Protein backbone atom coordinates (compact mmCIF):
# COMPACT_ATOMS: atom_id res chain seq x y z
CA UNK A 1 -21.65 -17.69 71.01
CA UNK A 2 -21.25 -18.06 74.77
CA UNK A 3 -24.33 -17.65 77.16
CA UNK A 4 -23.41 -17.71 80.80
CA UNK A 5 -26.79 -17.59 83.72
CA UNK A 6 -25.22 -15.64 86.51
CA UNK A 7 -27.39 -16.19 90.21
CA UNK A 8 -28.81 -12.92 91.02
CA UNK A 9 -28.57 -11.35 94.22
CA UNK A 10 -32.17 -11.77 95.17
CA UNK A 11 -34.72 -14.66 93.74
CA UNK A 12 -37.12 -13.79 90.90
CA UNK A 13 -34.21 -12.05 89.07
CA UNK A 14 -32.47 -13.48 86.27
CA UNK A 15 -29.42 -12.21 84.43
CA UNK A 16 -28.36 -13.59 81.05
CA UNK A 17 -24.98 -12.01 79.47
CA UNK A 18 -24.05 -13.07 75.84
CA UNK A 19 -21.56 -11.83 73.36
CA UNK A 20 -21.80 -12.96 69.43
CA UNK A 21 -19.99 -12.05 66.43
CA UNK A 22 -23.24 -12.74 64.38
CA UNK A 23 -25.10 -10.47 66.50
CA UNK A 24 -23.92 -6.54 66.89
CA UNK A 25 -24.59 -6.43 70.70
CA UNK A 26 -22.40 -7.17 73.03
CA UNK A 27 -23.99 -7.35 76.40
CA UNK A 28 -27.77 -8.41 77.09
CA UNK A 29 -29.02 -8.21 80.67
CA UNK A 30 -32.66 -9.75 81.15
CA UNK A 31 -34.34 -8.83 84.40
CA UNK A 32 -37.80 -10.31 85.33
CA UNK A 33 -39.85 -8.21 87.59
CA UNK A 34 -42.07 -10.35 90.04
CA UNK A 35 -45.09 -10.31 87.92
CA UNK A 36 -43.21 -10.69 84.71
CA UNK A 37 -44.52 -9.69 81.39
CA UNK A 38 -41.60 -6.99 80.85
CA UNK A 39 -37.85 -7.48 80.48
CA UNK A 40 -35.37 -4.73 80.73
CA UNK A 41 -32.70 -4.94 78.14
CA UNK A 42 -29.38 -2.99 78.81
CA UNK A 43 -27.30 -2.84 75.28
CA UNK A 44 -23.76 -1.70 75.40
CA UNK A 45 -22.16 -1.27 71.87
CA UNK A 46 -18.51 -0.76 71.59
CA UNK A 47 -17.60 2.72 71.28
CA UNK A 48 -20.98 3.86 72.25
CA UNK A 49 -22.71 4.83 75.62
CA UNK A 50 -25.05 2.25 77.41
CA UNK A 51 -28.42 2.03 75.77
CA UNK A 52 -31.55 0.61 77.90
CA UNK A 53 -34.88 0.01 76.37
CA UNK A 54 -37.95 -1.85 77.59
CA UNK A 55 -39.72 -4.60 75.45
CA UNK A 56 -42.43 -6.87 75.93
CA UNK A 57 -41.47 -10.68 75.97
CA UNK A 58 -43.23 -13.83 77.22
CA UNK A 59 -40.94 -16.15 79.04
CA UNK A 60 -42.12 -18.93 81.36
CA UNK A 61 -42.54 -18.27 85.04
CA UNK A 62 -39.47 -20.34 86.36
CA UNK A 63 -39.29 -21.25 90.39
CA UNK A 64 -36.86 -19.66 92.21
CA UNK A 65 -34.55 -22.41 92.37
CA UNK A 66 -34.55 -22.67 88.67
CA UNK A 67 -32.74 -19.21 88.71
CA UNK A 68 -29.81 -19.85 90.83
CA UNK A 69 -27.56 -22.12 89.16
CA UNK A 70 -24.86 -20.83 86.76
CA UNK A 71 -24.81 -22.49 83.23
CA UNK A 72 -22.55 -22.00 80.67
CA UNK A 73 -24.03 -22.25 77.37
CA UNK A 74 -21.09 -24.57 75.60
CA UNK A 75 -21.33 -27.06 78.38
CA UNK A 76 -25.44 -27.28 78.03
CA UNK A 77 -27.74 -29.45 76.56
CA UNK A 78 -28.60 -28.92 73.00
CA UNK A 79 -32.22 -28.34 73.49
CA UNK A 80 -31.68 -25.80 76.67
CA UNK A 81 -29.29 -23.86 73.98
CA UNK A 82 -31.91 -24.05 71.45
CA UNK A 83 -34.55 -22.56 74.02
CA UNK A 84 -32.32 -19.73 75.15
CA UNK A 85 -31.26 -18.61 71.45
CA UNK A 86 -34.97 -18.59 70.52
CA UNK A 87 -35.64 -16.60 73.87
CA UNK A 88 -33.11 -13.97 73.01
CA UNK A 89 -33.86 -13.87 69.03
CA UNK A 90 -37.25 -12.94 70.50
CA UNK A 91 -36.22 -10.41 72.64
CA UNK A 92 -34.24 -8.67 69.61
CA UNK A 93 -37.38 -8.56 67.48
CA UNK A 94 -39.26 -6.67 70.03
CA UNK A 95 -36.98 -4.25 70.97
CA UNK A 96 -38.22 -0.44 70.49
CA UNK A 97 -36.09 0.75 67.81
CA UNK A 98 -37.04 4.37 68.48
CA UNK A 99 -36.21 4.31 72.33
CA UNK A 100 -32.97 2.71 71.14
CA UNK A 101 -32.00 5.51 68.74
CA UNK A 102 -33.01 8.30 71.23
CA UNK A 103 -29.76 7.49 73.49
CA UNK A 104 -27.08 6.49 70.40
CA UNK A 105 -24.40 9.21 69.27
CA UNK A 106 -25.05 12.67 68.58
CA UNK A 107 -25.61 13.84 65.03
CA UNK A 108 -22.80 14.60 62.70
CA UNK A 109 -23.44 18.21 62.70
CA UNK A 110 -20.14 20.23 63.15
CA UNK A 111 -19.03 23.93 62.74
CA UNK A 112 -18.05 25.21 59.24
CA UNK A 113 -15.33 27.63 60.55
CA UNK A 114 -12.71 27.99 62.68
CA UNK A 115 -14.64 30.27 64.52
CA UNK A 116 -17.31 28.06 65.17
CA UNK A 117 -15.01 25.78 66.38
CA UNK A 118 -13.51 27.75 68.78
CA UNK A 119 -10.22 27.66 67.70
CA UNK A 120 -7.49 29.71 65.66
CA UNK A 121 -3.85 29.70 65.05
CA UNK A 122 -1.77 31.66 67.43
CA UNK A 123 1.55 33.91 66.08
CA UNK A 124 3.63 30.37 66.61
CA UNK A 125 1.31 28.89 64.14
CA UNK A 126 -0.15 26.50 66.96
CA UNK A 127 -3.99 25.77 66.91
CA UNK A 128 -5.51 26.70 70.25
CA UNK A 129 -8.84 27.04 71.98
CA UNK A 130 -9.39 30.63 71.70
CA UNK A 131 -11.36 30.40 75.39
CA UNK A 132 -8.71 28.18 77.13
CA UNK A 133 -5.69 28.40 74.96
CA UNK A 134 -5.66 24.37 74.98
CA UNK A 135 -4.45 22.47 71.87
CA UNK A 136 -6.91 20.73 70.06
CA UNK A 137 -8.68 17.77 72.03
CA UNK A 138 -9.58 14.69 69.78
CA UNK A 139 -11.88 13.18 72.14
CA UNK A 140 -14.25 15.87 72.56
CA UNK A 141 -16.83 13.23 74.18
CA UNK A 142 -15.93 10.04 75.69
CA UNK A 143 -16.91 6.68 74.85
CA UNK A 144 -17.77 8.29 71.06
CA UNK A 145 -15.01 7.52 68.61
CA UNK A 146 -16.98 7.45 65.46
CA UNK A 147 -18.16 10.90 66.38
CA UNK A 148 -15.06 12.24 67.33
CA UNK A 149 -13.40 10.91 64.42
CA UNK A 150 -16.33 12.64 62.08
CA UNK A 151 -15.43 16.08 64.42
CA UNK A 152 -11.96 15.45 63.90
CA UNK A 153 -12.57 14.94 59.71
CA UNK A 154 -14.62 18.05 59.98
CA UNK A 155 -11.73 20.28 61.29
CA UNK A 156 -9.63 18.86 58.79
CA UNK A 157 -11.99 20.24 55.83
CA UNK A 158 -11.63 23.26 57.44
CA UNK A 159 -7.95 23.22 57.90
CA UNK A 160 -7.59 22.52 54.05
CA UNK A 161 -9.25 25.75 53.17
CA UNK A 162 -7.31 27.83 55.44
CA UNK A 163 -4.02 26.28 53.69
CA UNK A 164 -5.47 27.22 50.32
CA UNK A 165 -6.06 31.05 51.72
CA UNK A 166 -2.51 31.02 52.97
CA UNK A 167 -1.17 30.04 49.59
CA UNK A 168 -3.08 32.52 48.05
CA UNK A 169 -2.62 35.54 50.19
CA UNK A 170 0.85 34.38 52.07
CA UNK A 171 2.39 33.13 49.26
CA UNK A 172 0.76 35.00 46.39
CA UNK A 173 -0.10 31.66 44.55
CA UNK A 174 -2.67 31.17 41.99
CA UNK A 175 -4.77 28.00 40.67
CA UNK A 176 -4.55 26.33 37.56
CA UNK A 177 -7.30 24.12 36.87
CA UNK A 178 -6.59 20.53 35.58
CA UNK A 179 -7.16 19.03 33.12
CA UNK A 180 -6.06 21.73 31.15
CA UNK A 181 -8.88 21.53 28.73
CA UNK A 182 -11.56 20.37 30.96
CA UNK A 183 -15.15 21.37 29.97
CA UNK A 184 -17.45 22.71 32.12
CA UNK A 185 -19.44 19.97 33.36
CA UNK A 186 -16.26 17.38 34.29
CA UNK A 187 -14.62 16.87 37.15
CA UNK A 188 -11.42 18.95 38.24
CA UNK A 189 -8.64 19.51 40.35
CA UNK A 190 -6.08 22.00 40.31
CA UNK A 191 -2.73 22.81 41.24
CA UNK A 192 -0.76 26.29 42.68
CA UNK A 193 1.79 28.13 40.85
CA UNK A 194 4.00 31.29 41.82
CA UNK A 195 3.39 33.85 39.28
CA UNK A 196 7.21 33.16 37.95
CA UNK A 197 6.52 29.46 38.17
CA UNK A 198 6.82 29.12 34.29
CA UNK A 199 8.68 32.01 33.60
CA UNK A 200 11.61 32.40 35.66
CA UNK A 201 14.65 31.60 33.47
CA UNK A 202 17.01 30.18 36.18
CA UNK A 203 15.12 27.96 39.01
CA UNK A 204 11.83 26.06 39.72
CA UNK A 205 10.74 24.11 42.39
CA UNK A 206 8.30 21.25 42.38
CA UNK A 207 6.69 19.98 45.56
CA UNK A 208 4.70 16.44 45.73
CA UNK A 209 3.34 15.43 48.57
CA UNK A 210 2.70 12.11 49.88
CA UNK A 211 -0.70 10.34 49.53
CA UNK A 212 -4.11 10.23 51.97
CA UNK A 213 -6.54 13.49 53.14
CA UNK A 214 -3.58 16.19 52.41
CA UNK A 215 -4.41 18.55 49.56
CA UNK A 216 -2.21 21.12 47.91
CA UNK A 217 0.25 23.03 50.45
CA UNK A 218 0.17 20.24 53.34
CA UNK A 219 2.63 17.38 54.19
CA UNK A 220 0.86 16.35 57.14
CA UNK A 221 -2.66 17.58 58.71
CA UNK A 222 -2.01 15.64 61.63
CA UNK A 223 1.02 17.80 62.25
CA UNK A 224 -0.94 21.05 61.61
CA UNK A 225 -3.51 20.35 63.70
CA UNK A 226 -1.52 18.64 66.81
CA UNK A 227 1.73 20.88 66.08
CA UNK A 228 1.94 23.73 63.99
CA UNK A 229 1.45 25.07 60.60
CA UNK A 230 5.47 25.08 59.86
CA UNK A 231 5.91 21.68 60.07
CA UNK A 232 2.60 20.66 58.66
CA UNK A 233 2.50 22.77 55.62
CA UNK A 234 4.75 23.69 52.64
CA UNK A 235 4.57 27.05 53.17
CA UNK A 236 8.07 27.32 54.73
CA UNK A 237 9.66 25.62 51.60
CA UNK A 238 7.53 28.08 49.07
CA UNK A 239 8.41 31.15 51.04
CA UNK A 240 12.29 30.01 51.30
CA UNK A 241 12.58 29.09 47.69
CA UNK A 242 10.78 32.73 46.82
CA UNK A 243 13.51 34.26 48.90
CA UNK A 244 16.37 32.45 46.98
CA UNK A 245 14.89 33.34 43.75
CA UNK A 246 12.78 30.12 42.50
CA UNK A 247 9.62 29.81 40.83
CA UNK A 248 7.49 27.30 42.62
CA UNK A 249 4.69 24.71 41.74
CA UNK A 250 2.67 22.76 44.59
CA UNK A 251 0.80 19.79 43.16
CA UNK A 252 -2.17 18.39 44.70
CA UNK A 253 -1.83 14.52 43.74
CA UNK A 254 -4.94 13.38 46.08
CA UNK A 255 -7.51 15.39 44.75
CA UNK A 256 -8.58 12.70 42.34
CA UNK A 257 -12.08 12.60 42.05
CA UNK A 258 -15.51 14.10 42.76
CA UNK A 259 -18.15 12.91 44.99
CA UNK A 260 -21.71 12.54 43.78
CA UNK A 261 -24.77 11.22 45.66
CA UNK A 262 -25.69 7.80 44.62
CA UNK A 263 -29.26 7.47 43.55
CA UNK A 264 -31.66 5.84 45.87
CA UNK A 265 -32.30 2.24 44.77
CA UNK A 266 -35.63 0.71 43.96
CA UNK A 267 -37.03 -2.16 45.41
CA UNK A 268 -37.13 -5.14 43.34
CA UNK A 269 -39.94 -6.06 41.36
CA UNK A 270 -42.23 -9.18 42.43
CA UNK A 271 -41.84 -11.89 40.49
CA UNK A 272 -44.74 -12.85 38.32
CA UNK A 273 -46.97 -16.05 39.39
CA UNK A 274 -50.28 -17.00 40.21
CA UNK A 275 -51.65 -15.00 43.49
CA UNK A 276 -51.70 -16.92 46.65
CA UNK A 277 -54.69 -17.71 48.82
CA UNK A 278 -55.41 -15.13 51.63
CA UNK A 279 -54.34 -16.71 54.68
CA UNK A 280 -50.85 -17.68 52.43
CA UNK A 281 -50.76 -13.81 51.46
CA UNK A 282 -51.42 -12.67 54.90
CA UNK A 283 -48.28 -14.70 56.21
CA UNK A 284 -45.87 -13.56 53.47
CA UNK A 285 -46.97 -9.83 54.61
CA UNK A 286 -46.32 -10.73 57.81
CA UNK A 287 -42.78 -12.57 57.46
CA UNK A 288 -41.73 -9.52 54.97
CA UNK A 289 -42.47 -7.18 57.42
CA UNK A 290 -40.81 -9.09 60.20
CA UNK A 291 -37.77 -9.37 58.07
CA UNK A 292 -37.46 -5.55 57.08
CA UNK A 293 -37.71 -4.49 60.79
CA UNK A 294 -34.71 -6.99 61.86
CA UNK A 295 -32.73 -5.77 58.85
CA UNK A 296 -33.87 -2.05 59.67
CA UNK A 297 -32.70 -2.72 63.40
CA UNK A 298 -29.24 -4.48 62.58
CA UNK A 299 -28.27 -1.50 59.85
CA UNK A 300 -29.56 1.34 62.62
CA UNK A 301 -27.54 -0.53 65.15
CA UNK A 302 -24.54 -0.46 62.77
CA UNK A 303 -24.67 2.32 61.41
CA UNK A 304 -27.83 4.58 63.54
CA UNK A 305 -26.65 7.63 61.41
CA UNK A 306 -27.02 6.32 57.98
CA UNK A 307 -24.23 8.62 56.04
CA UNK A 308 -24.93 9.39 52.44
CA UNK A 309 -23.78 6.95 49.98
CA UNK A 310 -21.77 8.57 47.15
CA UNK A 311 -20.10 7.59 44.04
CA UNK A 312 -16.49 8.93 42.99
CA UNK A 313 -16.03 10.30 39.42
CA UNK A 314 -12.06 10.50 38.62
CA UNK A 315 -10.75 13.50 37.59
CA UNK A 316 -9.66 12.86 33.64
CA UNK A 317 -5.69 12.24 33.50
CA UNK A 318 -5.71 12.91 37.10
CA UNK A 319 -7.47 9.82 38.73
CA UNK A 320 -4.55 8.76 40.48
CA UNK A 321 -0.95 10.29 42.20
CA UNK A 322 0.73 8.81 39.47
CA UNK A 323 -1.13 10.22 36.60
CA UNK A 324 -1.34 13.76 38.26
CA UNK A 325 2.31 13.80 38.23
CA UNK A 326 2.94 13.18 34.54
CA UNK A 327 -0.31 15.31 33.70
CA UNK A 328 1.57 18.56 35.46
CA UNK A 329 4.95 17.49 34.09
CA UNK A 330 3.81 17.28 30.60
CA UNK A 331 1.66 20.51 30.77
CA UNK A 332 3.34 23.05 32.88
CA UNK A 333 6.94 21.78 33.76
CA UNK A 334 8.39 20.37 30.89
CA UNK A 335 6.98 23.81 29.49
CA UNK A 336 8.61 25.99 31.75
CA UNK A 337 11.54 28.16 30.91
CA UNK A 338 13.68 27.45 33.97
CA UNK A 339 17.11 25.97 33.31
CA UNK A 340 17.30 23.81 36.54
CA UNK A 341 14.02 22.17 37.74
CA UNK A 342 14.25 20.81 41.59
CA UNK A 343 12.01 18.36 42.85
CA UNK A 344 10.85 17.85 46.50
CA UNK A 345 8.90 15.14 47.06
CA UNK A 346 7.78 13.30 50.26
CA UNK A 347 6.37 9.59 51.00
CA UNK A 348 4.07 8.38 48.18
CA UNK A 349 5.28 11.31 46.12
CA UNK A 350 8.57 9.98 45.74
CA UNK A 351 7.10 6.96 44.09
CA UNK A 352 5.03 8.96 41.80
CA UNK A 353 8.09 10.91 40.66
CA UNK A 354 10.01 7.43 39.83
CA UNK A 355 6.90 6.51 38.01
CA UNK A 356 7.32 9.73 35.98
CA UNK A 357 11.26 9.03 35.18
CA UNK A 358 9.87 5.60 33.90
CA UNK A 359 7.44 7.21 31.77
CA UNK A 360 9.41 10.40 30.70
CA UNK A 361 12.75 9.22 31.46
CA UNK A 362 14.91 11.42 28.53
CA UNK A 363 12.84 14.53 29.25
CA UNK A 364 13.40 14.49 33.30
CA UNK A 365 16.90 13.50 32.82
CA UNK A 366 17.41 16.48 30.60
CA UNK A 367 15.58 19.13 32.85
CA UNK A 368 15.90 18.11 36.49
CA UNK A 369 18.89 19.03 38.29
CA UNK A 370 18.33 17.41 41.76
CA UNK A 371 15.50 15.45 43.56
CA UNK A 372 15.11 15.35 47.40
CA UNK A 373 13.10 12.93 48.62
CA UNK A 374 11.58 12.67 52.30
CA UNK A 375 11.07 9.04 53.52
CA UNK A 376 10.16 8.15 49.79
CA UNK A 377 7.72 5.36 49.40
CA UNK A 378 9.57 4.35 45.84
CA UNK A 379 10.93 1.10 44.71
CA UNK A 380 13.10 0.54 41.74
CA UNK A 381 12.57 -2.93 41.63
CA UNK A 382 8.71 -2.88 42.26
CA UNK A 383 8.40 -0.04 39.60
CA UNK A 384 10.98 -1.81 37.38
CA UNK A 385 12.88 1.37 36.66
CA UNK A 386 15.62 0.79 33.64
CA UNK A 387 19.56 0.84 34.78
CA UNK A 388 19.69 4.35 33.01
CA UNK A 389 17.44 5.87 35.98
CA UNK A 390 18.90 3.94 38.39
CA UNK A 391 22.28 5.38 37.62
CA UNK A 392 20.56 8.91 37.46
CA UNK A 393 18.98 8.85 40.69
CA UNK A 394 22.25 7.85 42.14
CA UNK A 395 23.87 11.23 40.68
CA UNK A 396 21.12 13.32 41.43
CA UNK A 397 18.60 12.45 44.18
CA UNK A 398 19.03 12.02 47.82
CA UNK A 399 16.69 10.60 50.58
CA UNK A 400 16.10 11.68 53.80
CA UNK A 401 14.82 9.26 55.45
CA UNK A 402 12.99 8.37 59.44
CA UNK A 403 16.19 7.26 61.55
CA UNK A 404 17.05 7.69 65.22
CA UNK A 405 20.43 8.54 63.58
CA UNK A 406 21.68 12.50 63.64
CA UNK A 407 20.22 14.43 60.95
CA UNK A 408 22.41 13.78 57.48
CA UNK A 409 24.12 11.06 58.97
CA UNK A 410 24.80 8.70 56.39
CA UNK A 411 23.00 5.52 56.14
CA UNK A 412 22.90 2.48 54.20
CA UNK A 413 21.07 2.06 51.24
CA UNK A 414 18.91 -1.01 50.75
CA UNK A 415 18.43 -0.87 47.09
CA UNK A 416 20.82 0.97 44.03
CA UNK A 417 18.75 3.62 43.65
CA UNK A 418 20.11 6.62 45.26
CA UNK A 419 21.84 7.78 48.95
CA UNK A 420 20.06 7.52 52.08
CA UNK A 421 20.99 10.29 54.91
CA UNK A 422 18.95 10.57 58.37
CA UNK A 423 16.21 13.37 58.48
CA UNK A 424 17.30 13.49 62.02
CA UNK A 425 13.60 11.87 63.12
CA UNK A 426 11.84 8.75 63.86
CA UNK A 427 8.44 10.23 62.95
CA UNK A 428 7.56 9.59 58.90
CA UNK A 429 5.34 12.65 58.54
CA UNK A 430 8.08 14.96 60.42
CA UNK A 431 10.88 14.24 57.95
CA UNK A 432 9.98 17.36 55.33
CA UNK A 433 10.36 19.58 58.03
CA UNK A 434 13.58 18.34 59.99
CA UNK A 435 15.28 18.05 57.00
CA UNK A 436 14.08 21.22 55.46
CA UNK A 437 17.67 23.49 55.75
CA UNK A 438 19.58 20.30 54.66
CA UNK A 439 17.18 20.09 51.66
CA UNK A 440 17.83 23.64 50.34
CA UNK A 441 21.57 23.14 51.28
CA UNK A 442 21.63 20.21 49.03
CA UNK A 443 20.27 22.36 46.01
CA UNK A 444 22.41 25.32 46.28
CA UNK A 445 25.53 22.66 46.48
CA UNK A 446 24.31 21.18 43.09
CA UNK A 447 23.89 24.91 41.68
CA UNK A 448 27.19 25.98 42.91
CA UNK A 449 29.09 22.95 41.54
CA UNK A 450 27.12 23.27 38.11
CA UNK A 451 28.05 27.24 37.89
CA UNK A 452 31.94 26.52 38.95
CA UNK A 453 32.32 23.60 36.66
CA UNK A 454 35.01 22.03 38.60
CA UNK A 455 32.97 19.00 40.15
CA UNK A 456 32.83 15.94 38.24
CA UNK A 457 29.14 16.12 38.34
CA UNK A 458 26.11 16.07 41.21
CA UNK A 459 27.09 12.78 42.31
CA UNK A 460 30.16 13.96 44.50
CA UNK A 461 27.69 16.73 45.97
CA UNK A 462 25.07 14.16 47.21
CA UNK A 463 27.58 11.42 48.38
CA UNK A 464 29.74 13.67 50.22
CA UNK A 465 27.31 16.26 51.31
CA UNK A 466 26.29 14.53 54.37
CA UNK A 467 29.51 14.42 56.26
CA UNK A 468 30.26 18.18 55.45
CA UNK A 469 26.82 19.59 56.40
CA UNK A 470 26.32 19.62 60.37
CA UNK A 471 22.79 19.72 61.73
CA UNK A 472 21.44 23.10 62.12
CA UNK A 473 17.82 22.84 61.76
CA UNK A 474 15.01 25.06 63.82
CA UNK A 475 13.94 23.65 66.92
CA UNK A 476 10.57 22.48 67.03
């Protein structure tokens, strides 16, 4: 801790600044009036607005000369350091908490609908303010990052429900509850399916998103809010697949748990013992009261709006992305009538698919015709994949990765798993949308080669496709 005393512009005024990682304050300014007796305290906290409180404090009356020198605590004597530290601790113990709380961040109370937020999606799928027409503004209140983040998350929850509505109304998809044998009182998750997903005899497309806050139907929530629905949701993939005659299954690998409020903790019982005499008991009560007051102060300053503490109860057989993909495969995809199953997996979704191959290798090889990865997070070495799986991935998979190279430009593969081509963007979250048309051309070529029975196998379609396909993507 470093303590400096700076000479004030007038005598009788004493300013003390400090910073400490042990005390949750960044700046304390002590101002003595000519008569003494009170100290004005300015507290600044990172990410919050300035706070001013008044607390009584008893300090010795130094002469005017004693307030003028500038002394650095690190260079001062040990006795002087101890005196300053004691005075500072005494000040903190006397701060009026109620006054402090009045000037903290606003309450975490946010609108529940897009209309209440005064935002709406325009005809281009862009989120705009209903009055100004401006894009979403994250920093609605300056210097209140935590409050702004909570507001953003509240909007994100509304966006999730909005995308569910699009899946149901625009894409005519229905929910299927997971686990399939869930009891009424256990946590559940769900996926979305088109009406013909399990009955389509020809083609089935399975969409697997990455990890994070995104839920079914989303690639990247930040793109939905800051760019548009096409780039951030799976809606374009679903509508295109339906037009091309696919059934579609939309996975929900991040809906893994149910949050419940933690029960309140009871105070620990007082240990048995002989009752102390009266003065000792009074001192103990006083010490406990002071300690409790200090703990409450530090806790409230660190987290002035104490949020509800919750426990996470995992969804059975769906507690992780990997478990979710295996469960959906076992109970839905493997039972579908489609002769040709296609997988589209982004980011961590690619890792989850490779884990599926590790556990259901033979079944996957027999059913899946091609896999399109978008900046996949899989690693065949860390995931300990078999030689047979690696060979199959070389022949049936292609990974569109973030790169500054043009769309579909071949890239060197760092691992012997599958061909890698450029997604035409360096932004990880944009890789599914930027490779949208290329992925469907890849799927179509695999089907054509299979139907013509002229090619040696899907390997030639994957390795030669990058040179023959030209960038033909919609401009964002």
